[in-house]
Amino acid sequence: MDSDSISYEARILDKTPVGPLTIYVSDVGLAKIAFGKQAEVHTGDAQLERLAEQAVQELTEYFYAGRRVFTLPIDWRAMQPYQEKVLRACDAIPYGQTRTYGDLARQTGSPGSARAVGRIMASNPIPIVIPCHRVVGTDGKLHGYGSPGGVDDKAQLLALEGQRIVA
């Protein structure tokens, strides 16, 4: 992670429909979800360990037990102001629904910045929990996803939520 002054706890969630995930939490909340296996980090800090286990539990429930809402606190500190504004708008997209990049641009007060919203979605540090997979093009199609499986993974996440959208 980025800052030396912040402690992180990391857990690997091996089996998900989009491959393994590495989940990072800070003392504030969920800080990052990385696609693939990275090193687990065990700090020995009880609060961080509880948050990491909660993150693993909630993601497991999302993939396999129908969880629709995440209750984990999110650590927004590493984000730039407009990035945070857009990601908070994305975070508010309900389970099973989609919005366009343009919708989020308008919602955040920058109606001409759909491409900037797309770049923010592409660099979302907390995919799945901040559901950038729910953002589609104005043509209703899928346009990119930052996982190893790309738009196929995005389509799979949307299908998990009851949406059938093609790339």
Protein backbone atom coordinates (compact mmCIF):
# COMPACT_ATOMS: atom_id res chain seq x y z
CA MET A 1 0.00 0.00 0.00
CA ASP A 2 0.97 3.61 -0.30
CA SER A 3 1.59 5.20 3.08
CA ASP A 4 4.23 4.19 5.60
CA SER A 5 2.32 5.90 8.43
CA ILE A 6 -0.77 3.71 8.04
CA SER A 7 -0.85 0.05 9.06
CA TYR A 8 -2.65 -2.42 6.82
CA GLU A 9 -3.89 -5.92 7.38
CA ALA A 10 -4.33 -8.07 4.26
CA ARG A 11 -6.21 -11.29 3.64
CA ILE A 12 -6.51 -13.43 0.54
CA LEU A 13 -9.91 -14.66 -0.52
CA ASP A 14 -8.88 -17.59 -2.73
CA LYS A 15 -12.06 -18.71 -4.40
CA THR A 16 -14.36 -16.15 -6.03
CA PRO A 17 -16.08 -16.10 -9.40
CA VAL A 18 -13.50 -13.50 -10.54
CA GLY A 19 -10.45 -15.33 -9.16
CA PRO A 20 -8.50 -14.73 -5.97
CA LEU A 21 -8.70 -11.34 -4.27
CA THR A 22 -6.35 -9.68 -1.80
CA ILE A 23 -8.23 -7.48 0.64
CA TYR A 24 -6.52 -4.65 2.54
CA VAL A 25 -7.96 -2.89 5.57
CA SER A 26 -6.65 0.04 7.59
CA ASP A 27 -7.67 1.29 11.01
CA VAL A 28 -10.40 3.31 9.24
CA GLY A 29 -11.84 0.56 7.07
CA LEU A 30 -11.56 -1.19 3.72
CA ALA A 31 -8.69 0.42 1.79
CA LYS A 32 -8.09 -1.76 -1.27
CA ILE A 33 -9.14 -4.91 -3.07
CA ALA A 34 -6.57 -6.26 -5.52
CA PHE A 35 -7.30 -8.93 -8.12
CA GLY A 36 -4.99 -11.90 -7.65
CA LYS A 37 -2.95 -13.17 -4.75
CA GLN A 38 -0.57 -10.81 -3.05
CA ALA A 39 1.09 -11.26 0.31
CA GLU A 40 -1.08 -11.60 3.37
CA VAL A 41 -0.15 -9.15 6.10
CA HIS A 42 -0.78 -9.93 9.77
CA THR A 43 -0.17 -6.99 12.07
CA GLY A 44 -1.35 -8.55 15.29
CA ASP A 45 -3.67 -5.56 15.73
CA ALA A 46 -7.03 -6.93 16.93
CA GLN A 47 -9.08 -4.12 15.34
CA LEU A 48 -7.41 -4.63 11.95
CA GLU A 49 -7.82 -8.40 12.20
CA ARG A 50 -11.56 -7.99 12.93
CA LEU A 51 -12.00 -5.64 9.96
CA ALA A 52 -10.08 -7.99 7.66
CA GLU A 53 -12.21 -10.95 8.73
CA GLN A 54 -15.38 -8.88 8.28
CA ALA A 55 -14.24 -7.97 4.75
CA VAL A 56 -13.60 -11.62 3.87
CA GLN A 57 -16.97 -12.62 5.37
CA GLU A 58 -18.97 -9.94 3.54
CA LEU A 59 -17.31 -10.62 0.19
CA THR A 60 -17.87 -14.36 0.61
CA GLU A 61 -21.53 -13.68 1.40
CA TYR A 62 -21.81 -11.43 -1.67
CA PHE A 63 -20.44 -14.13 -3.96
CA TYR A 64 -22.17 -17.14 -2.43
CA ALA A 65 -24.99 -16.19 -0.06
CA GLY A 66 -26.87 -13.30 -1.65
CA ARG A 67 -25.44 -10.35 0.28
CA ARG A 68 -26.69 -7.17 -1.40
CA VAL A 69 -25.23 -4.45 0.83
CA PHE A 70 -21.75 -4.14 2.31
CA THR A 71 -21.53 -2.71 5.83
CA LEU A 72 -17.76 -2.34 5.94
CA PRO A 73 -16.51 1.17 6.51
CA ILE A 74 -14.44 2.46 3.58
CA ASP A 75 -11.11 4.25 4.00
CA TRP A 76 -11.45 7.19 1.57
CA ARG A 77 -8.23 8.96 2.70
CA ALA A 78 -6.02 8.01 -0.27
CA MET A 79 -8.48 9.34 -2.85
CA GLN A 80 -8.46 12.69 -4.61
CA PRO A 81 -11.59 14.85 -4.02
CA TYR A 82 -13.25 14.31 -7.43
CA GLN A 83 -12.30 10.63 -7.42
CA GLU A 84 -13.94 10.23 -4.02
CA LYS A 85 -17.05 12.12 -5.17
CA VAL A 86 -17.44 9.85 -8.21
CA LEU A 87 -16.72 6.66 -6.26
CA ARG A 88 -19.23 7.65 -3.57
CA ALA A 89 -21.83 8.14 -6.32
CA CYS A 90 -20.88 4.71 -7.70
CA ASP A 91 -21.11 3.22 -4.21
CA ALA A 92 -24.74 4.38 -4.07
CA ILE A 93 -25.79 2.37 -7.17
CA PRO A 94 -28.17 -0.27 -5.81
CA TYR A 95 -27.52 -3.98 -6.19
CA GLY A 96 -28.82 -5.28 -9.49
CA GLN A 97 -28.98 -1.84 -11.14
CA THR A 98 -26.65 -0.03 -13.52
CA ARG A 99 -25.79 3.56 -14.36
CA THR A 100 -23.84 5.02 -17.26
CA TYR A 101 -20.55 6.87 -17.04
CA GLY A 102 -22.50 9.95 -18.17
CA ASP A 103 -25.06 9.47 -15.38
CA LEU A 104 -22.28 9.56 -12.79
CA ALA A 105 -20.67 12.58 -14.49
CA ARG A 106 -23.97 14.50 -14.34
CA GLN A 107 -24.67 13.33 -10.79
CA THR A 108 -21.31 14.66 -9.61
CA GLY A 109 -21.75 18.04 -11.27
CA SER A 110 -19.52 17.51 -14.32
CA PRO A 111 -21.90 16.59 -17.15
CA GLY A 112 -19.22 16.55 -19.85
CA SER A 113 -16.77 14.32 -18.04
CA ALA A 114 -17.97 10.77 -18.76
CA ARG A 115 -14.44 9.81 -19.87
CA ALA A 116 -12.97 11.12 -16.61
CA VAL A 117 -15.54 9.02 -14.77
CA GLY A 118 -14.42 6.04 -16.85
CA ARG A 119 -10.80 6.61 -15.82
CA ILE A 120 -11.86 6.80 -12.18
CA MET A 121 -13.80 3.54 -12.52
CA ALA A 122 -10.73 1.94 -14.13
CA SER A 123 -8.59 2.95 -11.13
CA ASN A 124 -11.18 2.11 -8.45
CA PRO A 125 -9.09 0.84 -5.51
CA ILE A 126 -12.03 -1.07 -4.01
CA PRO A 127 -13.79 -2.91 -6.85
CA ILE A 128 -16.83 -5.05 -6.09
CA VAL A 129 -17.56 -3.25 -2.80
CA ILE A 130 -17.54 0.08 -4.65
CA PRO A 131 -19.46 -1.46 -7.55
CA CYS A 132 -17.79 -0.06 -10.66
CA HIS A 133 -19.02 -3.20 -12.43
CA ARG A 134 -22.48 -1.55 -12.33
CA VAL A 135 -21.32 1.28 -14.62
CA VAL A 136 -21.96 0.76 -18.33
CA GLY A 137 -21.65 2.73 -21.54
CA THR A 138 -24.44 4.93 -22.89
CA ASP A 139 -25.02 2.19 -25.47
CA GLY A 140 -25.90 -0.14 -22.58
CA LYS A 141 -22.82 -2.29 -23.20
CA LEU A 142 -19.85 -3.17 -21.02
CA HIS A 143 -16.69 -1.18 -21.65
CA GLY A 144 -13.74 -2.49 -19.67
CA TYR A 145 -13.08 -3.86 -16.24
CA GLY A 146 -9.81 -3.94 -14.30
CA SER A 147 -9.79 -7.63 -13.40
CA PRO A 148 -7.75 -10.27 -15.24
CA GLY A 149 -10.99 -11.45 -16.91
CA GLY A 150 -11.96 -7.92 -17.98
CA VAL A 151 -15.51 -7.43 -19.25
CA ASP A 152 -16.24 -11.14 -18.86
CA ASP A 153 -15.75 -10.73 -15.09
CA LYS A 154 -17.86 -7.56 -15.15
CA ALA A 155 -20.64 -9.46 -16.93
CA GLN A 156 -20.34 -12.30 -14.39
CA LEU A 157 -20.70 -9.88 -11.46
CA LEU A 158 -23.74 -8.28 -13.08
CA ALA A 159 -25.22 -11.73 -13.76
CA LEU A 160 -24.71 -12.59 -10.08
CA GLU A 161 -26.91 -9.54 -9.37
CA GLY A 162 -29.53 -10.58 -11.92
CA GLN A 163 -28.44 -8.38 -14.85
CA ARG A 164 -27.80 -9.77 -18.33
CA ILE A 165 -25.64 -7.34 -20.27
CA VAL A 166 -23.35 -8.18 -23.17
CA ALA A 167 -19.94 -6.74 -23.88
